[in-house]
Amino acid sequence: MNYQWIQQLNPMAFKLRSGVRKKTFKRIVKTIKSFQASNKHSNSRRKPLLSIQEQVLVTLEYWREYRTYFHIATSWRVSESTICRIVHRIESELMQSGMFRLPGKKALLRGLNQPEVVVMDVTETPVERPKRKQEEFYSGKKERHTLKSQLIINQETGEIICTFFGKGRCHDFSLFKASGIHLHRETQGLHDSGYQGIDQFHSNSYTPEKKPKNRELSILEKDYNRVLATARIGIEHINRRLKIFKIFGDRYRNRRRRYGLRCNLLSAIYNYELSLAVTKFKTPTIP
């Protein structure tokens, strides 16, 4: 395993191997080099066994395949502890650099620059069964212990605006209230049935019509639900793209306190790759 060999892969194979484009990889490397050059403590460390390019590849490989540190260490012929330190350092330096950060919930209240339509959804990641307070992490929907990630995206551009995290037992609407997120009154919000009652907090929000007791939905109500589902489909595609990284899609084995940092970092990298793309999300809006 070496950087020269991986660099020779064509763009499609490189993205399949690492999960990101070559342009994104070069930007990450440039960001790490700039951060370490400006950090006066970086020169005090001993010379690393792997170059910066190789360290970034190790981190991407860990996110993409989510193999154990031991298996990755045997591929790169270094110790397991070295891989652990590399991954944690690269993650921390990327966040501290400020290059890969989400706009944040303040972007939802920027007056004239706020998004016209936002879509909010919650996705779940399985976790190891906790030793304590297991009931707080048990999701009845998934029938296993999970961590929940709430994503809010700009429907027009597909950009992830902000995230929030909670335990598996927390209801989607309760997670929204705990996040402290406020939508601009002119922003249209599209949500699934887990956000019933959100219109009390934001009047310009839409949720599916629920089937009443002892009565079927009318044709008009079914058409409304169909149009709403079509308008929301973009966020389901984003969840799929994030879960290409197995650290987010498979059972999370690490300590939970670093879960939010990694999800935010992957979301910001997704936004950066989206800015490189020519095509934009174009989905119908609620009339």
C-alpha atoms as a PDB file:
ATOM      1  CA  MET A   1       0.000   0.000   0.000  1.00  0.00           C
ATOM      2  CA  ASN A   2       1.481   3.352  -1.032  1.00  0.00           C
ATOM      3  CA  TYR A   3       0.355   6.768  -2.200  1.00  0.00           C
ATOM      4  CA  GLN A   4       2.031   6.504  -5.623  1.00  0.00           C
ATOM      5  CA  TRP A   5       0.007   3.427  -6.524  1.00  0.00           C
ATOM      6  CA  ILE A   6      -3.326   4.898  -5.412  1.00  0.00           C
ATOM      7  CA  GLN A   7      -2.593   8.158  -7.214  1.00  0.00           C
ATOM      8  CA  GLN A   8      -2.473   6.284 -10.513  1.00  0.00           C
ATOM      9  CA  LEU A   9      -6.120   5.216 -10.209  1.00  0.00           C
ATOM     10  CA  ASN A  10      -8.574   6.868 -12.579  1.00  0.00           C
ATOM     11  CA  PRO A  11     -11.034   9.383 -11.019  1.00  0.00           C
ATOM     12  CA  MET A  12     -13.894   6.884 -10.764  1.00  0.00           C
ATOM     13  CA  ALA A  13     -11.716   4.198  -9.174  1.00  0.00           C
ATOM     14  CA  PHE A  14     -10.184   6.732  -6.782  1.00  0.00           C
ATOM     15  CA  LYS A  15     -13.613   7.854  -5.576  1.00  0.00           C
ATOM     16  CA  LEU A  16     -14.685   4.240  -5.214  1.00  0.00           C
ATOM     17  CA  ARG A  17     -11.528   3.534  -3.201  1.00  0.00           C
ATOM     18  CA  SER A  18     -11.561   6.582  -0.919  1.00  0.00           C
ATOM     19  CA  GLY A  19     -15.142   7.869  -1.041  1.00  0.00           C
ATOM     20  CA  VAL A  20     -14.154  11.356  -2.303  1.00  0.00           C
ATOM     21  CA  ARG A  21     -13.005  12.898  -5.569  1.00  0.00           C
ATOM     22  CA  LYS A  22      -9.367  13.603  -6.322  1.00  0.00           C
ATOM     23  CA  LYS A  23     -10.055  17.364  -6.125  1.00  0.00           C
ATOM     24  CA  THR A  24     -11.503  16.922  -2.654  1.00  0.00           C
ATOM     25  CA  PHE A  25      -8.541  14.805  -1.604  1.00  0.00           C
ATOM     26  CA  LYS A  26      -6.086  17.471  -2.803  1.00  0.00           C
ATOM     27  CA  ARG A  27      -8.058  20.146  -0.954  1.00  0.00           C
ATOM     28  CA  ILE A  28      -7.953  18.139   2.271  1.00  0.00           C
ATOM     29  CA  VAL A  29      -4.193  17.648   1.917  1.00  0.00           C
ATOM     30  CA  LYS A  30      -3.691  21.363   1.253  1.00  0.00           C
ATOM     31  CA  THR A  31      -5.796  22.246   4.301  1.00  0.00           C
ATOM     32  CA  ILE A  32      -3.790  19.926   6.565  1.00  0.00           C
ATOM     33  CA  LYS A  33      -0.477  21.294   5.280  1.00  0.00           C
ATOM     34  CA  SER A  34      -1.600  24.895   5.826  1.00  0.00           C
ATOM     35  CA  PHE A  35      -2.867  24.115   9.314  1.00  0.00           C
ATOM     36  CA  GLN A  36       0.318  22.343  10.368  1.00  0.00           C
ATOM     37  CA  ALA A  37       2.477  25.129   8.892  1.00  0.00           C
ATOM     38  CA  SER A  38       0.588  27.745  10.908  1.00  0.00           C
ATOM     39  CA  ASN A  39       0.593  25.645  14.076  1.00  0.00           C
ATOM     40  CA  LYS A  40       3.823  26.281  15.950  1.00  0.00           C
ATOM     41  CA  HIS A  41       3.473  23.012  17.887  1.00  0.00           C
ATOM     42  CA  SER A  42       3.392  20.878  14.731  1.00  0.00           C
ATOM     43  CA  ASN A  43       7.164  21.174  14.183  1.00  0.00           C
ATOM     44  CA  SER A  44       7.884  19.827  17.659  1.00  0.00           C
ATOM     45  CA  ARG A  45       6.616  16.364  16.759  1.00  0.00           C
ATOM     46  CA  ARG A  46       9.005  13.746  15.466  1.00  0.00           C
ATOM     47  CA  LYS A  47       9.001  12.990  11.770  1.00  0.00           C
ATOM     48  CA  PRO A  48       5.894  10.909  10.957  1.00  0.00           C
ATOM     49  CA  LEU A  49       6.172   7.473   9.423  1.00  0.00           C
ATOM     50  CA  LEU A  50       3.617   8.372   6.743  1.00  0.00           C
ATOM     51  CA  SER A  51       3.446  11.489   4.587  1.00  0.00           C
ATOM     52  CA  ILE A  52       0.498  13.882   4.852  1.00  0.00           C
ATOM     53  CA  GLN A  53      -1.002  12.444   1.667  1.00  0.00           C
ATOM     54  CA  GLU A  54      -0.770   8.954   3.125  1.00  0.00           C
ATOM     55  CA  GLN A  55      -2.222  10.100   6.455  1.00  0.00           C
ATOM     56  CA  VAL A  56      -5.239  11.582   4.658  1.00  0.00           C
ATOM     57  CA  LEU A  57      -5.659   8.342   2.690  1.00  0.00           C
ATOM     58  CA  VAL A  58      -5.540   6.355   5.933  1.00  0.00           C
ATOM     59  CA  THR A  59      -8.284   8.549   7.412  1.00  0.00           C
ATOM     60  CA  LEU A  60     -10.443   8.291   4.297  1.00  0.00           C
ATOM     61  CA  GLU A  61      -9.927   4.539   4.241  1.00  0.00           C
ATOM     62  CA  TYR A  62     -11.033   4.328   7.866  1.00  0.00           C
ATOM     63  CA  TRP A  63     -14.215   6.328   7.167  1.00  0.00           C
ATOM     64  CA  ARG A  64     -14.938   4.558   3.894  1.00  0.00           C
ATOM     65  CA  GLU A  65     -14.379   0.933   4.885  1.00  0.00           C
ATOM     66  CA  TYR A  66     -14.522   1.209   8.700  1.00  0.00           C
ATOM     67  CA  ARG A  67     -12.080  -1.632   9.192  1.00  0.00           C
ATOM     68  CA  THR A  68     -10.372  -1.946  12.539  1.00  0.00           C
ATOM     69  CA  TYR A  69      -7.217   0.047  13.254  1.00  0.00           C
ATOM     70  CA  PHE A  70      -5.337  -3.249  13.330  1.00  0.00           C
ATOM     71  CA  HIS A  71      -6.359  -4.266   9.795  1.00  0.00           C
ATOM     72  CA  ILE A  72      -5.509  -0.841   8.370  1.00  0.00           C
ATOM     73  CA  ALA A  73      -2.182  -0.879  10.219  1.00  0.00           C
ATOM     74  CA  THR A  74      -1.201  -4.160   8.604  1.00  0.00           C
ATOM     75  CA  SER A  75      -1.972  -2.694   5.158  1.00  0.00           C
ATOM     76  CA  TRP A  76       0.248   0.339   5.748  1.00  0.00           C
ATOM     77  CA  ARG A  77       2.892  -1.569   7.759  1.00  0.00           C
ATOM     78  CA  VAL A  78       2.684   0.610  10.857  1.00  0.00           C
ATOM     79  CA  SER A  79       1.431   0.008  14.384  1.00  0.00           C
ATOM     80  CA  GLU A  80      -2.206   0.055  15.400  1.00  0.00           C
ATOM     81  CA  SER A  81      -1.645   2.994  17.762  1.00  0.00           C
ATOM     82  CA  THR A  82      -0.076   4.983  14.902  1.00  0.00           C
ATOM     83  CA  ILE A  83      -3.231   4.598  12.790  1.00  0.00           C
ATOM     84  CA  CYS A  84      -5.390   5.640  15.746  1.00  0.00           C
ATOM     85  CA  ARG A  85      -3.326   8.796  16.316  1.00  0.00           C
ATOM     86  CA  ILE A  86      -3.334   9.659  12.603  1.00  0.00           C
ATOM     87  CA  VAL A  87      -7.115   9.385  12.272  1.00  0.00           C
ATOM     88  CA  HIS A  88      -7.812  11.445  15.389  1.00  0.00           C
ATOM     89  CA  ARG A  89      -5.262  14.121  14.455  1.00  0.00           C
ATOM     90  CA  ILE A  90      -6.477  14.510  10.864  1.00  0.00           C
ATOM     91  CA  GLU A  91     -10.096  14.763  12.043  1.00  0.00           C
ATOM     92  CA  SER A  92      -9.266  17.362  14.671  1.00  0.00           C
ATOM     93  CA  GLU A  93      -7.077  19.447  12.351  1.00  0.00           C
ATOM     94  CA  LEU A  94      -9.727  19.482   9.627  1.00  0.00           C
ATOM     95  CA  MET A  95     -12.321  20.759  12.084  1.00  0.00           C
ATOM     96  CA  GLN A  96      -9.972  23.338  13.609  1.00  0.00           C
ATOM     97  CA  SER A  97      -8.942  24.621  10.194  1.00  0.00           C
ATOM     98  CA  GLY A  98     -12.485  25.828   9.525  1.00  0.00           C
ATOM     99  CA  MET A  99     -12.357  24.744   5.885  1.00  0.00           C
ATOM    100  CA  PHE A 100     -14.824  21.891   6.291  1.00  0.00           C
ATOM    101  CA  ARG A 101     -17.632  23.258   8.409  1.00  0.00           C
ATOM    102  CA  LEU A 102     -21.385  23.438   7.981  1.00  0.00           C
ATOM    103  CA  PRO A 103     -23.179  26.793   7.647  1.00  0.00           C
ATOM    104  CA  GLY A 104     -24.900  26.164  11.000  1.00  0.00           C
ATOM    105  CA  LYS A 105     -28.392  26.896  12.278  1.00  0.00           C
ATOM    106  CA  LYS A 106     -27.784  30.652  12.128  1.00  0.00           C
ATOM    107  CA  ALA A 107     -27.890  30.327   8.336  1.00  0.00           C
ATOM    108  CA  LEU A 108     -31.609  29.587   8.684  1.00  0.00           C
ATOM    109  CA  LEU A 109     -32.248  33.122   9.985  1.00  0.00           C
ATOM    110  CA  ARG A 110     -30.177  35.339   7.699  1.00  0.00           C
ATOM    111  CA  GLY A 111     -32.991  37.627   6.573  1.00  0.00           C
ATOM    112  CA  LEU A 112     -32.876  37.890   2.770  1.00  0.00           C
ATOM    113  CA  ASN A 113     -30.315  35.097   2.398  1.00  0.00           C
ATOM    114  CA  GLN A 114     -32.213  32.377   4.220  1.00  0.00           C
ATOM    115  CA  PRO A 115     -33.163  29.272   2.171  1.00  0.00           C
ATOM    116  CA  GLU A 116     -36.602  29.318   0.590  1.00  0.00           C
ATOM    117  CA  VAL A 117     -37.345  25.630   1.232  1.00  0.00           C
ATOM    118  CA  VAL A 118     -35.670  23.320   3.749  1.00  0.00           C
ATOM    119  CA  VAL A 119     -36.123  19.605   4.296  1.00  0.00           C
ATOM    120  CA  MET A 120     -35.532  17.986   7.676  1.00  0.00           C
ATOM    121  CA  ASP A 121     -35.119  14.300   8.401  1.00  0.00           C
ATOM    122  CA  VAL A 122     -33.613  11.973  10.990  1.00  0.00           C
ATOM    123  CA  THR A 123     -31.437   8.979  10.184  1.00  0.00           C
ATOM    124  CA  GLU A 124     -30.199   6.357  12.635  1.00  0.00           C
ATOM    125  CA  THR A 125     -26.851   4.639  13.049  1.00  0.00           C
ATOM    126  CA  PRO A 126     -26.634   1.351  14.994  1.00  0.00           C
ATOM    127  CA  VAL A 127     -24.242   1.323  17.952  1.00  0.00           C
ATOM    128  CA  GLU A 128     -22.797  -1.262  20.286  1.00  0.00           C
ATOM    129  CA  ARG A 129     -25.101  -2.126  23.143  1.00  0.00           C
ATOM    130  CA  PRO A 130     -24.259   0.333  25.942  1.00  0.00           C
ATOM    131  CA  LYS A 131     -23.194  -0.993  29.304  1.00  0.00           C
ATOM    132  CA  ARG A 132     -25.317   1.588  31.123  1.00  0.00           C
ATOM    133  CA  LYS A 133     -28.707   3.174  30.429  1.00  0.00           C
ATOM    134  CA  GLN A 134     -29.403   0.870  27.536  1.00  0.00           C
ATOM    135  CA  GLU A 135     -33.062   1.908  27.332  1.00  0.00           C
ATOM    136  CA  GLU A 136     -32.077   5.467  26.360  1.00  0.00           C
ATOM    137  CA  PHE A 137     -30.412   4.196  23.175  1.00  0.00           C
ATOM    138  CA  TYR A 138     -32.977   1.576  22.185  1.00  0.00           C
ATOM    139  CA  SER A 139     -34.930   2.547  19.081  1.00  0.00           C
ATOM    140  CA  GLY A 140     -38.317   0.862  18.804  1.00  0.00           C
ATOM    141  CA  LYS A 141     -38.400   1.672  15.097  1.00  0.00           C
ATOM    142  CA  LYS A 142     -35.081  -0.077  14.346  1.00  0.00           C
ATOM    143  CA  GLU A 143     -35.426  -2.562  17.221  1.00  0.00           C
ATOM    144  CA  ARG A 144     -31.819  -2.034  18.239  1.00  0.00           C
ATOM    145  CA  HIS A 145     -29.571   0.516  19.978  1.00  0.00           C
ATOM    146  CA  THR A 146     -28.909   3.540  17.785  1.00  0.00           C
ATOM    147  CA  LEU A 147     -27.770   7.151  17.617  1.00  0.00           C
ATOM    148  CA  LYS A 148     -29.970   9.623  15.760  1.00  0.00           C
ATOM    149  CA  SER A 149     -28.728  12.305  13.378  1.00  0.00           C
ATOM    150  CA  GLN A 150     -31.020  15.150  12.361  1.00  0.00           C
ATOM    151  CA  LEU A 151     -30.146  16.773   9.032  1.00  0.00           C
ATOM    152  CA  ILE A 152     -31.549  19.989   7.584  1.00  0.00           C
ATOM    153  CA  ILE A 153     -30.848  20.651   3.919  1.00  0.00           C
ATOM    154  CA  ASN A 154     -31.500  23.430   1.453  1.00  0.00           C
ATOM    155  CA  GLN A 155     -33.912  21.801  -0.987  1.00  0.00           C
ATOM    156  CA  GLU A 156     -32.820  23.933  -3.935  1.00  0.00           C
ATOM    157  CA  THR A 157     -29.086  23.306  -3.686  1.00  0.00           C
ATOM    158  CA  GLY A 158     -28.977  20.041  -1.706  1.00  0.00           C
ATOM    159  CA  GLU A 159     -26.528  21.597   0.796  1.00  0.00           C
ATOM    160  CA  ILE A 160     -26.561  20.321   4.373  1.00  0.00           C
ATOM    161  CA  ILE A 161     -27.166  23.360   6.583  1.00  0.00           C
ATOM    162  CA  CYS A 162     -26.876  21.946  10.085  1.00  0.00           C
ATOM    163  CA  THR A 163     -27.078  18.756  12.115  1.00  0.00           C
ATOM    164  CA  PHE A 164     -28.079  17.653  15.591  1.00  0.00           C
ATOM    165  CA  PHE A 165     -27.658  14.352  17.393  1.00  0.00           C
ATOM    166  CA  GLY A 166     -29.533  12.377  20.000  1.00  0.00           C
ATOM    167  CA  LYS A 167     -30.084   8.930  21.458  1.00  0.00           C
ATOM    168  CA  GLY A 168     -32.148   6.254  19.755  1.00  0.00           C
ATOM    169  CA  ARG A 169     -35.119   6.459  22.088  1.00  0.00           C
ATOM    170  CA  CYS A 170     -35.637  10.179  21.458  1.00  0.00           C
ATOM    171  CA  HIS A 171     -38.589  10.905  19.152  1.00  0.00           C
ATOM    172  CA  ASP A 172     -37.876  12.869  15.973  1.00  0.00           C
ATOM    173  CA  PHE A 173     -40.017  15.824  17.046  1.00  0.00           C
ATOM    174  CA  SER A 174     -38.459  15.808  20.521  1.00  0.00           C
ATOM    175  CA  LEU A 175     -35.033  15.855  18.901  1.00  0.00           C
ATOM    176  CA  PHE A 176     -36.060  18.909  16.878  1.00  0.00           C
ATOM    177  CA  LYS A 177     -37.214  20.749  20.007  1.00  0.00           C
ATOM    178  CA  ALA A 178     -34.009  19.839  21.836  1.00  0.00           C
ATOM    179  CA  SER A 179     -31.884  21.160  18.941  1.00  0.00           C
ATOM    180  CA  GLY A 180     -33.110  24.726  19.479  1.00  0.00           C
ATOM    181  CA  ILE A 181     -33.394  25.274  15.724  1.00  0.00           C
ATOM    182  CA  HIS A 182     -35.656  28.086  14.516  1.00  0.00           C
ATOM    183  CA  LEU A 183     -36.779  28.454  10.920  1.00  0.00           C
ATOM    184  CA  HIS A 184     -37.401  31.825   9.303  1.00  0.00           C
ATOM    185  CA  ARG A 185     -41.118  32.533   8.996  1.00  0.00           C
ATOM    186  CA  GLU A 186     -40.818  32.820   5.203  1.00  0.00           C
ATOM    187  CA  THR A 187     -38.894  29.559   4.876  1.00  0.00           C
ATOM    188  CA  GLN A 188     -40.970  26.589   3.812  1.00  0.00           C
ATOM    189  CA  GLY A 189     -40.318  23.429   5.799  1.00  0.00           C
ATOM    190  CA  LEU A 190     -40.982  19.929   4.454  1.00  0.00           C
ATOM    191  CA  HIS A 191     -41.061  17.129   7.022  1.00  0.00           C
ATOM    192  CA  ASP A 192     -42.144  13.526   7.406  1.00  0.00           C
ATOM    193  CA  SER A 193     -44.809  12.154   9.751  1.00  0.00           C
ATOM    194  CA  GLY A 194     -42.352  12.101  12.650  1.00  0.00           C
ATOM    195  CA  TYR A 195     -42.727  15.886  12.932  1.00  0.00           C
ATOM    196  CA  GLN A 196     -46.473  16.031  13.521  1.00  0.00           C
ATOM    197  CA  GLY A 197     -47.172  19.197  15.526  1.00  0.00           C
ATOM    198  CA  ILE A 198     -44.265  21.229  14.159  1.00  0.00           C
ATOM    199  CA  ASP A 199     -46.759  23.742  12.739  1.00  0.00           C
ATOM    200  CA  GLN A 200     -47.169  25.037  16.300  1.00  0.00           C
ATOM    201  CA  PHE A 201     -43.519  26.170  16.178  1.00  0.00           C
ATOM    202  CA  HIS A 202     -43.346  27.062  12.483  1.00  0.00           C
ATOM    203  CA  SER A 203     -46.582  27.782  10.645  1.00  0.00           C
ATOM    204  CA  ASN A 204     -45.009  27.414   7.181  1.00  0.00           C
ATOM    205  CA  SER A 205     -44.241  23.727   7.664  1.00  0.00           C
ATOM    206  CA  TYR A 206     -45.835  20.743   5.941  1.00  0.00           C
ATOM    207  CA  THR A 207     -46.203  17.162   7.150  1.00  0.00           C
ATOM    208  CA  PRO A 208     -48.066  14.201   5.597  1.00  0.00           C
ATOM    209  CA  GLU A 209     -51.749  13.706   6.261  1.00  0.00           C
ATOM    210  CA  LYS A 210     -52.282  10.807   8.647  1.00  0.00           C
ATOM    211  CA  LYS A 211     -54.983   8.267   8.050  1.00  0.00           C
ATOM    212  CA  PRO A 212     -57.927   9.068  10.370  1.00  0.00           C
ATOM    213  CA  LYS A 213     -59.498   6.382  12.485  1.00  0.00           C
ATOM    214  CA  ASN A 214     -62.301   4.497  10.715  1.00  0.00           C
ATOM    215  CA  ARG A 215     -61.791   6.495   7.524  1.00  0.00           C
ATOM    216  CA  GLU A 216     -59.596   6.289   4.436  1.00  0.00           C
ATOM    217  CA  LEU A 217     -57.596   9.203   3.081  1.00  0.00           C
ATOM    218  CA  SER A 218     -59.297  11.133   0.318  1.00  0.00           C
ATOM    219  CA  ILE A 219     -57.834  11.294  -3.189  1.00  0.00           C
ATOM    220  CA  LEU A 220     -56.777  14.903  -2.559  1.00  0.00           C
ATOM    221  CA  GLU A 221     -54.986  13.930   0.658  1.00  0.00           C
ATOM    222  CA  LYS A 222     -53.207  11.047  -1.073  1.00  0.00           C
ATOM    223  CA  ASP A 223     -52.078  13.369  -3.875  1.00  0.00           C
ATOM    224  CA  TYR A 224     -50.785  15.848  -1.284  1.00  0.00           C
ATOM    225  CA  ASN A 225     -48.782  13.139   0.475  1.00  0.00           C
ATOM    226  CA  ARG A 226     -47.365  11.978  -2.848  1.00  0.00           C
ATOM    227  CA  VAL A 227     -46.222  15.476  -3.835  1.00  0.00           C
ATOM    228  CA  LEU A 228     -44.707  16.034  -0.378  1.00  0.00           C
ATOM    229  CA  ALA A 229     -42.802  12.731  -0.549  1.00  0.00           C
ATOM    230  CA  THR A 230     -41.475  13.666  -3.997  1.00  0.00           C
ATOM    231  CA  ALA A 231     -40.320  17.058  -2.722  1.00  0.00           C
ATOM    232  CA  ARG A 232     -38.543  15.432   0.231  1.00  0.00           C
ATOM    233  CA  ILE A 233     -36.770  12.692  -1.723  1.00  0.00           C
ATOM    234  CA  GLY A 234     -33.560  14.734  -1.974  1.00  0.00           C
ATOM    235  CA  ILE A 235     -32.708  14.289   1.696  1.00  0.00           C
ATOM    236  CA  GLU A 236     -33.050  10.509   1.357  1.00  0.00           C
ATOM    237  CA  HIS A 237     -30.447  10.600  -1.405  1.00  0.00           C
ATOM    238  CA  ILE A 238     -28.149  12.625   0.867  1.00  0.00           C
ATOM    239  CA  ASN A 239     -28.542  10.079   3.670  1.00  0.00           C
ATOM    240  CA  ARG A 240     -27.525   7.384   1.204  1.00  0.00           C
ATOM    241  CA  ARG A 241     -24.456   9.331   0.070  1.00  0.00           C
ATOM    242  CA  LEU A 242     -23.315   9.887   3.635  1.00  0.00           C
ATOM    243  CA  LYS A 243     -23.762   6.223   4.434  1.00  0.00           C
ATOM    244  CA  ILE A 244     -21.381   5.304   1.628  1.00  0.00           C
ATOM    245  CA  PHE A 245     -18.879   5.903   4.422  1.00  0.00           C
ATOM    246  CA  LYS A 246     -19.306   2.745   6.460  1.00  0.00           C
ATOM    247  CA  ILE A 247     -18.425   4.541   9.688  1.00  0.00           C
ATOM    248  CA  PHE A 248     -21.797   6.271   9.339  1.00  0.00           C
ATOM    249  CA  GLY A 249     -23.779   3.425   7.769  1.00  0.00           C
ATOM    250  CA  ASP A 250     -22.569   0.367   9.692  1.00  0.00           C
ATOM    251  CA  ARG A 251     -22.659  -0.273  13.414  1.00  0.00           C
ATOM    252  CA  TYR A 252     -20.635   2.432  15.144  1.00  0.00           C
ATOM    253  CA  ARG A 253     -17.999   0.817  17.381  1.00  0.00           C
ATOM    254  CA  ASN A 254     -16.117   3.874  18.665  1.00  0.00           C
ATOM    255  CA  ARG A 255     -16.798   6.123  21.620  1.00  0.00           C
ATOM    256  CA  ARG A 256     -20.018   8.032  21.081  1.00  0.00           C
ATOM    257  CA  ARG A 257     -18.597  11.434  22.036  1.00  0.00           C
ATOM    258  CA  ARG A 258     -16.741  11.626  18.696  1.00  0.00           C
ATOM    259  CA  TYR A 259     -19.731  10.580  16.601  1.00  0.00           C
ATOM    260  CA  GLY A 260     -21.058  14.126  16.093  1.00  0.00           C
ATOM    261  CA  LEU A 261     -17.657  15.469  15.024  1.00  0.00           C
ATOM    262  CA  ARG A 262     -17.275  12.789  12.364  1.00  0.00           C
ATOM    263  CA  CYS A 263     -20.806  13.220  11.023  1.00  0.00           C
ATOM    264  CA  ASN A 264     -20.355  16.984  10.780  1.00  0.00           C
ATOM    265  CA  LEU A 265     -17.032  16.514   9.022  1.00  0.00           C
ATOM    266  CA  LEU A 266     -18.467  14.070   6.490  1.00  0.00           C
ATOM    267  CA  SER A 267     -21.429  16.392   5.918  1.00  0.00           C
ATOM    268  CA  ALA A 268     -19.084  19.330   5.272  1.00  0.00           C
ATOM    269  CA  ILE A 269     -17.021  17.234   2.854  1.00  0.00           C
ATOM    270  CA  TYR A 270     -20.248  16.298   1.066  1.00  0.00           C
ATOM    271  CA  ASN A 271     -21.098  20.024   0.766  1.00  0.00           C
ATOM    272  CA  TYR A 272     -17.662  20.715  -0.689  1.00  0.00           C
ATOM    273  CA  GLU A 273     -18.057  17.991  -3.290  1.00  0.00           C
ATOM    274  CA  LEU A 274     -21.518  19.332  -4.069  1.00  0.00           C
ATOM    275  CA  SER A 275     -19.998  22.734  -4.792  1.00  0.00           C
ATOM    276  CA  LEU A 276     -17.717  21.063  -7.351  1.00  0.00           C
ATOM    277  CA  ALA A 277     -20.618  19.461  -9.165  1.00  0.00           C
ATOM    278  CA  VAL A 278     -22.327  21.199 -12.054  1.00  0.00           C
ATOM    279  CA  THR A 279     -25.786  19.773 -11.534  1.00  0.00           C
ATOM    280  CA  LYS A 280     -28.019  20.933  -8.694  1.00  0.00           C
ATOM    281  CA  PHE A 281     -30.974  19.355  -6.962  1.00  0.00           C
ATOM    282  CA  LYS A 282     -34.212  20.180  -8.750  1.00  0.00           C
ATOM    283  CA  THR A 283     -37.262  18.757  -7.020  1.00  0.00           C
ATOM    284  CA  PRO A 284     -40.865  19.991  -6.999  1.00  0.00           C
ATOM    285  CA  THR A 285     -42.018  22.276  -4.203  1.00  0.00           C
ATOM    286  CA  ILE A 286     -45.284  22.357  -2.343  1.00  0.00           C
ATOM    287  CA  PRO A 287     -47.610  24.884  -4.043  1.00  0.00           C
END
